[in-house]
Amino acid sequence: MVERLGGQHLEAQVQHPFDSAIARFCGGFGSINTRRAYGGDLRDFSRFATGLGVGELGQLTVGHIEEYLQNCTEKGLSGATIRVRIASLSGLLTQEGLEELANKTRDISNKHIGSKPEMQPFHPLSNKEIKRLQEVSRDNPRASAIIAIALGTGANVSEILALHANNIVEADGQVSIGFGEEHGRIAKLSPEASATIKRHKGDRRGKLPLFAREKLSKKEIKPLNRTWLWKVLKKYGESIGRPDLNQRVLRQTFIMNVQVKDSKELAKLLGVGGDYAYDVLLERRRLTQLLPQSEVLFETATTN
């Protein structure tokens, strides 16, 4: 089943679990540009929610909305942009009969944008948990490579799943990753992580997806989706006593351990923008460092 949305075809059964609802919502607008704008915002939320393991709108909670708002802030989105996205989301929720959650979404958004939200500490992996995660994933070269990239670069799930073979550059035994089509952000990996990436990459070349689904035919090689990654991380997380494990936890672990001199350097490493986003990341890291167990669990980075 393929539904048309704002001039773009959406495969409702393949792309994202909210697509049918999004198509119904956007279909009520006469302007193609309006449908495209709302559709883009809602698909962005759908991708984020899928990464948290949400399979349908009815599974959404206030906690998921709060995480999305925090993510928008960390990405450097303006208050005006966030308001538009929340307006789209609350409209979608209302249409699907989730009026109570829609009202709470608007309330949370007003509090979040109206004043700086209360910062919460990260929930990163401890050094012991990192080692255990590497051990339990070692027999799965694809999963261990994704984990190595997330822990070694802080890349988000979209960046990781968009990688192609030609984004991987090898020199003197060390691997560097160029994110984006023009490799606008370069991240170097440790020797251990480099070995893990090379083991998975094998003889992949050019534009072949670095992380692909099982081949359906010689001509059909598709990149992995967020749902697969969420399920795999959840499985490994449960085996090491961290059922909350997802890509955001891996990113937070990178933030806790990376050595940077200031907020702009951290933002550059992560590929995020906006002065407030810089401050959010460093403040959440500082709060995590203040936790009683932080000195025991984490090799926390210092900011000069």
Protein backbone atom coordinates (compact mmCIF):
# COMPACT_ATOMS: atom_id res chain seq x y z
CA MET A 1 0.00 0.00 0.00
CA VAL A 2 1.45 3.35 -1.07
CA GLU A 3 -0.07 6.62 0.10
CA ARG A 4 0.68 9.98 -1.44
CA LEU A 5 1.71 12.81 0.89
CA GLY A 6 2.67 16.27 -0.29
CA GLY A 7 4.04 15.11 -3.63
CA GLN A 8 6.06 12.30 -2.08
CA HIS A 9 5.18 8.62 -1.98
CA LEU A 10 5.13 6.98 1.41
CA GLU A 11 5.12 3.22 1.72
CA ALA A 12 2.97 3.08 4.84
CA GLN A 13 3.74 -0.53 5.61
CA VAL A 14 7.50 -0.15 5.20
CA GLN A 15 8.76 3.29 6.16
CA HIS A 16 7.50 4.29 9.60
CA PRO A 17 4.68 3.04 11.82
CA PHE A 18 2.87 6.40 11.91
CA ASP A 19 2.75 6.96 8.14
CA SER A 20 -0.90 6.06 7.62
CA ALA A 21 -1.99 8.45 10.38
CA ILE A 22 0.34 11.16 9.04
CA ALA A 23 -1.10 10.76 5.53
CA ARG A 24 -4.64 11.11 6.89
CA PHE A 25 -3.71 14.20 8.91
CA CYS A 26 -1.83 15.97 6.10
CA GLY A 27 -4.51 15.07 3.59
CA GLY A 28 -6.78 17.61 5.26
CA PHE A 29 -4.65 20.53 4.09
CA GLY A 30 -5.25 22.01 0.65
CA SER A 31 -1.75 23.37 0.06
CA ILE A 32 0.89 20.92 -1.13
CA ASN A 33 3.57 22.97 0.62
CA THR A 34 1.65 22.78 3.90
CA ARG A 35 1.28 19.01 3.55
CA ARG A 36 4.99 18.68 2.89
CA ALA A 37 5.94 20.86 5.87
CA TYR A 38 3.68 19.08 8.35
CA GLY A 39 4.55 15.69 6.88
CA GLY A 40 8.27 16.34 7.23
CA ASP A 41 7.93 17.39 10.87
CA LEU A 42 5.79 14.39 11.74
CA ARG A 43 8.05 11.89 9.98
CA ASP A 44 10.97 13.32 11.92
CA PHE A 45 9.08 12.61 15.15
CA SER A 46 8.11 9.17 13.85
CA ARG A 47 11.76 8.27 13.23
CA PHE A 48 12.71 9.49 16.70
CA ALA A 49 9.90 7.57 18.40
CA THR A 50 10.74 4.40 16.46
CA GLY A 51 14.28 4.68 17.79
CA LEU A 52 12.81 4.55 21.30
CA GLY A 53 10.89 1.38 20.46
CA VAL A 54 7.47 2.96 19.89
CA GLY A 55 5.58 0.95 17.30
CA GLU A 56 2.26 2.81 17.23
CA LEU A 57 0.82 6.14 18.37
CA GLY A 58 -1.10 4.52 21.22
CA GLN A 59 2.20 3.53 22.85
CA LEU A 60 3.38 7.13 23.18
CA THR A 61 3.81 8.55 26.68
CA VAL A 62 4.60 11.96 28.15
CA GLY A 63 8.15 10.72 28.69
CA HIS A 64 8.60 10.14 24.94
CA ILE A 65 7.40 13.69 24.22
CA GLU A 66 9.81 15.14 26.79
CA GLU A 67 12.71 13.21 25.26
CA TYR A 68 11.78 14.52 21.82
CA LEU A 69 11.71 18.12 23.07
CA GLN A 70 15.11 17.63 24.67
CA ASN A 71 16.42 16.18 21.41
CA CYS A 72 15.11 19.15 19.42
CA THR A 73 16.87 21.51 21.82
CA GLU A 74 20.14 19.60 21.63
CA LYS A 75 19.97 19.79 17.83
CA GLY A 76 19.86 23.59 18.11
CA LEU A 77 16.30 24.07 16.81
CA SER A 78 14.78 27.44 17.61
CA GLY A 79 11.79 27.85 19.89
CA ALA A 80 9.66 28.83 16.89
CA THR A 81 10.62 25.66 15.00
CA ILE A 82 9.89 23.48 18.02
CA ARG A 83 6.47 25.13 18.44
CA VAL A 84 5.55 24.31 14.84
CA ARG A 85 6.64 20.69 15.28
CA ILE A 86 4.63 20.33 18.48
CA ALA A 87 1.59 21.92 16.83
CA SER A 88 1.83 19.28 14.09
CA LEU A 89 2.20 16.48 16.62
CA SER A 90 -0.65 17.61 18.86
CA GLY A 91 -2.90 17.92 15.81
CA LEU A 92 -2.02 14.37 14.76
CA LEU A 93 -2.68 13.03 18.27
CA THR A 94 -6.05 14.80 18.42
CA GLN A 95 -7.05 13.37 15.04
CA GLU A 96 -6.22 9.85 16.26
CA GLY A 97 -8.34 10.21 19.40
CA LEU A 98 -5.44 10.84 21.81
CA GLU A 99 -6.72 14.21 23.00
CA GLU A 100 -5.44 13.87 26.57
CA LEU A 101 -1.89 13.25 25.36
CA ALA A 102 -2.25 16.06 22.80
CA ASN A 103 -3.17 18.51 25.61
CA LYS A 104 -0.27 17.33 27.74
CA THR A 105 2.04 17.69 24.74
CA ARG A 106 1.07 21.33 24.34
CA ASP A 107 1.47 21.98 28.08
CA ILE A 108 4.93 20.36 28.18
CA SER A 109 5.99 22.30 25.10
CA ASN A 110 4.89 25.64 26.57
CA LYS A 111 6.86 24.99 29.74
CA HIS A 112 9.89 23.76 27.79
CA ILE A 113 10.04 26.69 25.38
CA GLY A 114 8.82 29.37 27.77
CA SER A 115 11.84 28.94 30.00
CA LYS A 116 14.94 26.82 30.02
CA PRO A 117 13.89 23.32 31.07
CA GLU A 118 15.34 21.74 34.15
CA MET A 119 18.41 19.83 33.07
CA GLN A 120 18.63 16.14 33.84
CA PRO A 121 21.83 14.09 34.11
CA PHE A 122 22.73 11.60 31.42
CA HIS A 123 22.35 7.85 31.86
CA PRO A 124 25.58 6.62 30.23
CA LEU A 125 27.16 3.21 30.42
CA SER A 126 29.82 2.59 33.04
CA ASN A 127 33.24 1.35 31.95
CA LYS A 128 32.28 -2.12 33.16
CA GLU A 129 29.05 -2.03 31.14
CA ILE A 130 30.93 -0.89 28.04
CA LYS A 131 33.31 -3.83 28.24
CA ARG A 132 30.45 -6.23 28.84
CA LEU A 133 28.51 -4.82 25.87
CA GLN A 134 31.55 -5.24 23.62
CA GLU A 135 31.90 -8.83 24.78
CA VAL A 136 28.28 -9.89 24.21
CA SER A 137 28.14 -8.25 20.75
CA ARG A 138 31.48 -9.58 19.50
CA ASP A 139 29.89 -12.50 17.62
CA ASN A 140 27.77 -10.06 15.58
CA PRO A 141 30.21 -7.99 13.43
CA ARG A 142 27.46 -5.68 12.20
CA ALA A 143 26.12 -4.84 15.66
CA SER A 144 29.59 -4.54 17.21
CA ALA A 145 30.61 -2.11 14.44
CA ILE A 146 27.55 0.08 15.07
CA ILE A 147 28.29 0.10 18.80
CA ALA A 148 31.95 0.95 18.15
CA ILE A 149 30.98 3.92 15.97
CA ALA A 150 28.39 5.22 18.45
CA LEU A 151 30.75 4.96 21.42
CA GLY A 152 33.72 6.29 19.47
CA THR A 153 32.14 9.24 17.67
CA GLY A 154 28.86 10.12 19.41
CA ALA A 155 27.09 9.88 16.04
CA ASN A 156 23.31 9.76 16.13
CA VAL A 157 21.28 6.91 14.69
CA SER A 158 20.51 8.70 11.41
CA GLU A 159 24.19 9.37 10.76
CA ILE A 160 25.20 5.78 11.50
CA LEU A 161 22.53 4.13 9.35
CA ALA A 162 23.27 6.52 6.46
CA LEU A 163 26.94 5.50 6.24
CA HIS A 164 28.25 3.96 3.04
CA ALA A 165 31.45 2.02 2.49
CA ASN A 166 33.14 5.10 1.04
CA ASN A 167 32.56 7.00 4.29
CA ILE A 168 35.19 4.77 5.86
CA VAL A 169 38.79 5.89 5.30
CA GLU A 170 41.73 3.71 6.35
CA ALA A 171 45.26 5.04 6.84
CA ASP A 172 48.13 3.39 8.71
CA GLY A 173 45.76 0.88 10.27
CA GLN A 174 43.47 3.56 11.72
CA VAL A 175 39.92 4.18 10.58
CA SER A 176 38.36 7.62 10.13
CA ILE A 177 34.70 8.17 9.36
CA GLY A 178 33.46 11.00 7.20
CA PHE A 179 29.84 11.83 8.04
CA GLY A 180 27.67 13.24 5.27
CA GLU A 181 28.03 12.94 1.50
CA GLU A 182 30.89 15.45 1.45
CA HIS A 183 32.46 14.08 4.64
CA GLY A 184 31.91 17.42 6.34
CA ARG A 185 32.63 15.98 9.79
CA ILE A 186 35.57 13.62 10.28
CA ALA A 187 35.92 11.37 13.33
CA LYS A 188 38.95 9.20 14.06
CA LEU A 189 38.53 5.90 15.86
CA SER A 190 40.77 4.12 18.33
CA PRO A 191 42.83 1.12 17.13
CA GLU A 192 40.39 -1.28 18.82
CA ALA A 193 37.34 0.36 17.24
CA SER A 194 39.15 0.55 13.89
CA ALA A 195 39.71 -3.21 13.94
CA THR A 196 36.02 -3.77 14.67
CA ILE A 197 34.94 -1.55 11.74
CA LYS A 198 37.37 -3.18 9.30
CA ARG A 199 36.17 -6.63 10.32
CA HIS A 200 32.59 -5.68 9.44
CA LYS A 201 33.37 -3.60 6.33
CA GLY A 202 35.20 -6.43 4.60
CA ASP A 203 35.25 -5.89 0.86
CA ARG A 204 32.39 -3.38 0.71
CA ARG A 205 33.19 -0.52 -1.64
CA GLY A 206 31.72 2.71 -2.94
CA LYS A 207 28.09 3.55 -2.29
CA LEU A 208 27.14 0.21 -0.76
CA PRO A 209 25.41 0.76 2.60
CA LEU A 210 27.81 0.00 5.42
CA PHE A 211 24.96 -1.47 7.45
CA ALA A 212 22.56 -3.29 5.15
CA ARG A 213 19.68 -5.68 5.62
CA GLU A 214 20.12 -9.27 4.52
CA LYS A 215 20.37 -9.41 0.75
CA LEU A 216 17.07 -10.12 -0.96
CA SER A 217 18.80 -10.30 -4.33
CA LYS A 218 22.10 -9.25 -5.85
CA LYS A 219 20.53 -5.98 -7.00
CA GLU A 220 18.58 -5.19 -3.83
CA ILE A 221 20.68 -4.06 -0.88
CA LYS A 222 18.85 -1.78 1.54
CA PRO A 223 20.16 0.00 4.64
CA LEU A 224 19.04 -1.10 8.08
CA ASN A 225 16.19 0.71 9.77
CA ARG A 226 15.87 2.14 13.26
CA THR A 227 13.59 -0.60 14.50
CA TRP A 228 16.23 -3.26 13.86
CA LEU A 229 18.84 -1.23 15.72
CA TRP A 230 16.51 -0.56 18.65
CA LYS A 231 15.69 -4.27 19.01
CA VAL A 232 19.33 -5.34 18.86
CA LEU A 233 20.48 -2.77 21.42
CA LYS A 234 17.59 -3.66 23.71
CA LYS A 235 18.54 -7.36 23.52
CA TYR A 236 22.17 -6.65 24.39
CA GLY A 237 21.13 -4.13 27.04
CA GLU A 238 19.00 -6.71 28.82
CA SER A 239 21.93 -9.15 28.82
CA ILE A 240 24.19 -6.65 30.61
CA GLY A 241 21.59 -5.34 33.05
CA ARG A 242 20.78 -2.15 31.10
CA PRO A 243 17.30 -2.67 29.59
CA ASP A 244 17.20 1.06 28.82
CA LEU A 245 20.06 0.73 26.32
CA ASN A 246 19.50 2.57 23.05
CA GLN A 247 21.53 4.75 20.70
CA ARG A 248 21.00 7.84 22.86
CA VAL A 249 22.62 6.07 25.82
CA LEU A 250 25.63 5.28 23.61
CA ARG A 251 25.82 8.92 22.52
CA GLN A 252 25.62 10.09 26.13
CA THR A 253 28.42 7.69 27.03
CA PHE A 254 30.60 9.30 24.36
CA ILE A 255 29.80 12.77 25.69
CA MET A 256 30.78 11.71 29.21
CA ASN A 257 34.16 10.33 28.16
CA VAL A 258 35.35 12.65 25.39
CA GLN A 259 38.04 15.21 26.24
CA VAL A 260 37.13 18.72 25.08
CA LYS A 261 38.28 22.20 26.03
CA ASP A 262 34.93 23.98 25.63
CA SER A 263 31.33 23.63 24.52
CA LYS A 264 31.99 24.61 20.91
CA GLU A 265 34.53 21.84 20.49
CA LEU A 266 32.02 19.33 21.86
CA ALA A 267 29.31 20.62 19.53
CA LYS A 268 31.68 20.35 16.56
CA LEU A 269 32.49 16.73 17.43
CA LEU A 270 28.79 15.91 17.60
CA GLY A 271 27.75 17.94 14.58
CA VAL A 272 25.18 20.02 16.48
CA GLY A 273 24.61 23.76 16.44
CA GLY A 274 23.27 26.58 18.55
CA ASP A 275 24.79 28.16 21.67
CA TYR A 276 21.98 26.83 23.85
CA ALA A 277 22.56 23.31 22.54
CA TYR A 278 26.20 23.58 23.57
CA ASP A 279 25.23 24.67 27.07
CA VAL A 280 22.62 21.90 27.40
CA LEU A 281 25.15 19.19 26.57
CA LEU A 282 27.82 20.45 28.95
CA GLU A 283 25.38 21.16 31.76
CA ARG A 284 23.91 17.66 31.56
CA ARG A 285 27.42 16.24 31.56
CA ARG A 286 28.30 18.34 34.62
CA LEU A 287 25.20 17.11 36.44
CA THR A 288 26.16 13.52 35.65
CA GLN A 289 29.68 14.07 36.98
CA LEU A 290 28.16 15.28 40.27
CA LEU A 291 26.33 12.01 40.87
CA PRO A 292 27.81 10.10 43.85
CA GLN A 293 28.78 7.07 41.77
CA SER A 294 30.31 8.98 38.83
CA GLU A 295 33.93 8.72 39.95
CA VAL A 296 33.60 4.96 40.28
CA LEU A 297 31.59 4.28 37.13
CA PHE A 298 32.91 6.72 34.57
CA GLU A 299 36.18 8.03 33.24
CA THR A 300 34.64 11.47 33.09
CA ALA A 301 36.14 14.07 30.85
CA THR A 302 37.27 17.43 32.18
CA THR A 303 36.63 20.81 30.62
CA ASN A 304 39.43 23.32 30.82
